[in-house]
């Protein structure tokens, strides 16, 4: 799974994320940049 650790984009095993929930707002810079690049996040 791709993740952010501080300012670094890295990866961690998916099993290490089980039971953890971290929400990101639609206004977050990474979401805004992704949308500009054409990435869909399943929203409207």
PDB file of N, CA and C in Angstrom:
ATOM      1  N   UNK A   1       0.849  -1.164   0.000  1.00  0.00           N
ATOM      2  CA  UNK A   1       0.000   0.000   0.000  1.00  0.00           C
ATOM      3  C   UNK A   1       0.898   1.231   0.000  1.00  0.00           C
ATOM      4  N   UNK A   2       0.526   2.212  -0.801  1.00  0.00           N
ATOM      5  CA  UNK A   2       1.265   3.466  -0.844  1.00  0.00           C
ATOM      6  C   UNK A   2       0.845   4.315   0.354  1.00  0.00           C
ATOM      7  N   UNK A   3       1.811   4.990   0.976  1.00  0.00           N
ATOM      8  CA  UNK A   3       1.492   5.828   2.130  1.00  0.00           C
ATOM      9  C   UNK A   3       2.440   7.022   2.194  1.00  0.00           C
ATOM     10  N   UNK A   4       2.065   7.961   3.035  1.00  0.00           N
ATOM     11  CA  UNK A   4       2.915   9.128   3.309  1.00  0.00           C
ATOM     12  C   UNK A   4       3.482   8.980   4.708  1.00  0.00           C
ATOM     13  N   UNK A   5       4.790   9.126   4.833  1.00  0.00           N
ATOM     14  CA  UNK A   5       5.459   9.173   6.129  1.00  0.00           C
ATOM     15  C   UNK A   5       6.180  10.510   6.174  1.00  0.00           C
ATOM     16  N   UNK A   6       5.560  11.459   6.864  1.00  0.00           N
ATOM     17  CA  UNK A   6       6.092  12.824   6.836  1.00  0.00           C
ATOM     18  C   UNK A   6       5.911  13.403   5.449  1.00  0.00           C
ATOM     19  N   UNK A   7       6.994  13.783   4.806  1.00  0.00           N
ATOM     20  CA  UNK A   7       6.960  14.339   3.458  1.00  0.00           C
ATOM     21  C   UNK A   7       7.310  13.294   2.408  1.00  0.00           C
ATOM     22  N   UNK A   8       7.544  12.046   2.828  1.00  0.00           N
ATOM     23  CA  UNK A   8       8.018  11.001   1.926  1.00  0.00           C
ATOM     24  C   UNK A   8       6.896  10.040   1.527  1.00  0.00           C
ATOM     25  N   UNK A   9       6.794   9.752   0.229  1.00  0.00           N
ATOM     26  CA  UNK A   9       5.864   8.745  -0.262  1.00  0.00           C
ATOM     27  C   UNK A   9       6.604   7.413  -0.231  1.00  0.00           C
ATOM     28  N   UNK A  10       6.007   6.418   0.409  1.00  0.00           N
ATOM     29  CA  UNK A  10       6.647   5.116   0.559  1.00  0.00           C
ATOM     30  C   UNK A  10       5.584   4.025   0.485  1.00  0.00           C
ATOM     31  N   UNK A  11       5.935   2.815   0.818  1.00  0.00           N
ATOM     32  CA  UNK A  11       4.949   1.730   0.816  1.00  0.00           C
ATOM     33  C   UNK A  11       5.074   0.922   2.104  1.00  0.00           C
ATOM     34  N   UNK A  12       3.960   0.297   2.484  1.00  0.00           N
ATOM     35  CA  UNK A  12       3.921  -0.588   3.640  1.00  0.00           C
ATOM     36  C   UNK A  12       3.038  -1.782   3.289  1.00  0.00           C
ATOM     37  N   UNK A  13       3.273  -2.924   3.947  1.00  0.00           N
ATOM     38  CA  UNK A  13       2.407  -4.084   3.689  1.00  0.00           C
ATOM     39  C   UNK A  13       0.963  -3.773   4.066  1.00  0.00           C
ATOM     40  N   UNK A  14       0.029  -4.206   3.244  1.00  0.00           N
ATOM     41  CA  UNK A  14      -1.393  -3.956   3.483  1.00  0.00           C
ATOM     42  C   UNK A  14      -1.828  -4.506   4.841  1.00  0.00           C
ATOM     43  N   UNK A  15      -1.285  -5.626   5.250  1.00  0.00           N
ATOM     44  CA  UNK A  15      -1.641  -6.219   6.549  1.00  0.00           C
ATOM     45  C   UNK A  15      -1.300  -5.282   7.717  1.00  0.00           C
ATOM     46  N   UNK A  16      -0.297  -4.424   7.551  1.00  0.00           N
ATOM     47  CA  UNK A  16       0.080  -3.482   8.609  1.00  0.00           C
ATOM     48  C   UNK A  16      -0.949  -2.378   8.797  1.00  0.00           C
ATOM     49  N   UNK A  17      -1.869  -2.233   7.853  1.00  0.00           N
ATOM     50  CA  UNK A  17      -2.861  -1.158   7.936  1.00  0.00           C
ATOM     51  C   UNK A  17      -4.202  -1.637   8.485  1.00  0.00           C
ATOM     52  N   UNK A  18      -4.366  -2.929   8.664  1.00  0.00           N
ATOM     53  CA  UNK A  18      -5.645  -3.486   9.127  1.00  0.00           C
ATOM     54  C   UNK A  18      -6.047  -2.875  10.463  1.00  0.00           C
ATOM     55  N   UNK A  19      -7.276  -2.365  10.524  1.00  0.00           N
ATOM     56  CA  UNK A  19      -7.793  -1.782  11.759  1.00  0.00           C
ATOM     57  C   UNK A  19      -7.492  -0.302  11.936  1.00  0.00           C
ATOM     58  N   UNK A  20      -6.737   0.297  11.029  1.00  0.00           N
ATOM     59  CA  UNK A  20      -6.397   1.724  11.133  1.00  0.00           C
ATOM     60  C   UNK A  20      -7.230   2.511  10.136  1.00  0.00           C
ATOM     61  N   UNK A  21      -7.731   3.638  10.548  1.00  0.00           N
ATOM     62  CA  UNK A  21      -8.504   4.512   9.671  1.00  0.00           C
ATOM     63  C   UNK A  21      -7.979   5.931   9.820  1.00  0.00           C
ATOM     64  N   UNK A  22      -7.541   6.512   8.717  1.00  0.00           N
ATOM     65  CA  UNK A  22      -7.093   7.899   8.723  1.00  0.00           C
ATOM     66  C   UNK A  22      -7.777   8.596   7.558  1.00  0.00           C
ATOM     67  N   UNK A  23      -8.606   9.554   7.867  1.00  0.00           N
ATOM     68  CA  UNK A  23      -9.370  10.252   6.846  1.00  0.00           C
ATOM     69  C   UNK A  23      -8.590  11.440   6.295  1.00  0.00           C
ATOM     70  N   UNK A  24      -8.763  11.682   5.023  1.00  0.00           N
ATOM     71  CA  UNK A  24      -8.152  12.829   4.356  1.00  0.00           C
ATOM     72  C   UNK A  24      -9.288  13.661   3.779  1.00  0.00           C
ATOM     73  N   UNK A  25      -9.270  14.947   4.024  1.00  0.00           N
ATOM     74  CA  UNK A  25     -10.336  15.821   3.536  1.00  0.00           C
ATOM     75  C   UNK A  25     -10.189  16.051   2.035  1.00  0.00           C
ATOM     76  N   UNK A  26     -11.298  16.331   1.357  1.00  0.00           N
ATOM     77  CA  UNK A  26     -11.223  16.635  -0.082  1.00  0.00           C
ATOM     78  C   UNK A  26     -10.382  17.872  -0.378  1.00  0.00           C
ATOM     79  N   UNK A  27     -10.138  18.707   0.619  1.00  0.00           N
ATOM     80  CA  UNK A  27      -9.346  19.920   0.430  1.00  0.00           C
ATOM     81  C   UNK A  27      -7.850  19.679   0.599  1.00  0.00           C
ATOM     82  N   UNK A  28      -7.453  18.457   0.957  1.00  0.00           N
ATOM     83  CA  UNK A  28      -6.031  18.146   1.166  1.00  0.00           C
ATOM     84  C   UNK A  28      -5.273  18.343  -0.151  1.00  0.00           C
ATOM     85  N   UNK A  29      -4.062  18.897  -0.070  1.00  0.00           N
ATOM     86  CA  UNK A  29      -3.268  19.192  -1.265  1.00  0.00           C
ATOM     87  C   UNK A  29      -3.055  17.973  -2.155  1.00  0.00           C
ATOM     88  N   UNK A  30      -2.794  16.795  -1.558  1.00  0.00           N
ATOM     89  CA  UNK A  30      -2.570  15.604  -2.378  1.00  0.00           C
ATOM     90  C   UNK A  30      -3.821  15.209  -3.154  1.00  0.00           C
ATOM     91  N   UNK A  31      -4.993  15.397  -2.560  1.00  0.00           N
ATOM     92  CA  UNK A  31      -6.245  15.095  -3.250  1.00  0.00           C
ATOM     93  C   UNK A  31      -6.465  16.083  -4.386  1.00  0.00           C
ATOM     94  N   UNK A  32      -6.233  17.355  -4.120  1.00  0.00           N
ATOM     95  CA  UNK A  32      -6.386  18.376  -5.159  1.00  0.00           C
ATOM     96  C   UNK A  32      -5.468  18.103  -6.343  1.00  0.00           C
ATOM     97  N   UNK A  33      -4.208  17.787  -6.068  1.00  0.00           N
ATOM     98  CA  UNK A  33      -3.249  17.513  -7.144  1.00  0.00           C
ATOM     99  C   UNK A  33      -3.654  16.261  -7.920  1.00  0.00           C
ATOM    100  N   UNK A  34      -4.095  15.239  -7.206  1.00  0.00           N
ATOM    101  CA  UNK A  34      -4.544  14.011  -7.875  1.00  0.00           C
ATOM    102  C   UNK A  34      -5.708  14.266  -8.808  1.00  0.00           C
ATOM    103  N   UNK A  35      -6.675  15.040  -8.356  1.00  0.00           N
ATOM    104  CA  UNK A  35      -7.834  15.352  -9.196  1.00  0.00           C
ATOM    105  C   UNK A  35      -7.417  16.123 -10.437  1.00  0.00           C
ATOM    106  N   UNK A  36      -6.464  17.053 -10.282  1.00  0.00           N
ATOM    107  CA  UNK A  36      -5.973  17.817 -11.438  1.00  0.00           C
ATOM    108  C   UNK A  36      -5.287  16.900 -12.456  1.00  0.00           C
ATOM    109  N   UNK A  37      -4.710  15.801 -11.960  1.00  0.00           N
ATOM    110  CA  UNK A  37      -4.035  14.840 -12.849  1.00  0.00           C
ATOM    111  C   UNK A  37      -5.009  13.849 -13.461  1.00  0.00           C
ATOM    112  N   UNK A  38      -6.287  13.915 -13.047  1.00  0.00           N
ATOM    113  CA  UNK A  38      -7.303  13.035 -13.606  1.00  0.00           C
ATOM    114  C   UNK A  38      -7.579  11.776 -12.798  1.00  0.00           C
ATOM    115  N   UNK A  39      -7.047  11.711 -11.575  1.00  0.00           N
ATOM    116  CA  UNK A  39      -7.284  10.551 -10.717  1.00  0.00           C
ATOM    117  C   UNK A  39      -8.666  10.659 -10.106  1.00  0.00           C
ATOM    118  N   UNK A  40      -9.411   9.568 -10.129  1.00  0.00           N
ATOM    119  CA  UNK A  40     -10.751   9.538  -9.536  1.00  0.00           C
ATOM    120  C   UNK A  40     -10.668   8.952  -8.130  1.00  0.00           C
ATOM    121  N   UNK A  41     -11.351   9.582  -7.189  1.00  0.00           N
ATOM    122  CA  UNK A  41     -11.370   9.106  -5.819  1.00  0.00           C
ATOM    123  C   UNK A  41     -12.750   8.559  -5.433  1.00  0.00           C
ATOM    124  N   UNK A  42     -13.554   8.268  -6.451  1.00  0.00           N
ATOM    125  CA  UNK A  42     -14.849   7.670  -6.221  1.00  0.00           C
ATOM    126  C   UNK A  42     -15.940   8.637  -5.778  1.00  0.00           C
ATOM    127  N   UNK A  43     -15.636   9.919  -5.742  1.00  0.00           N
ATOM    128  CA  UNK A  43     -16.616  10.915  -5.344  1.00  0.00           C
ATOM    129  C   UNK A  43     -17.419  11.408  -6.522  1.00  0.00           C
ATOM    130  N   UNK A  44     -18.144  12.455  -6.280  1.00  0.00           N
ATOM    131  CA  UNK A  44     -18.983  13.060  -7.317  1.00  0.00           C
ATOM    132  C   UNK A  44     -18.163  13.810  -8.338  1.00  0.00           C
TER     133      UNK A  44
END
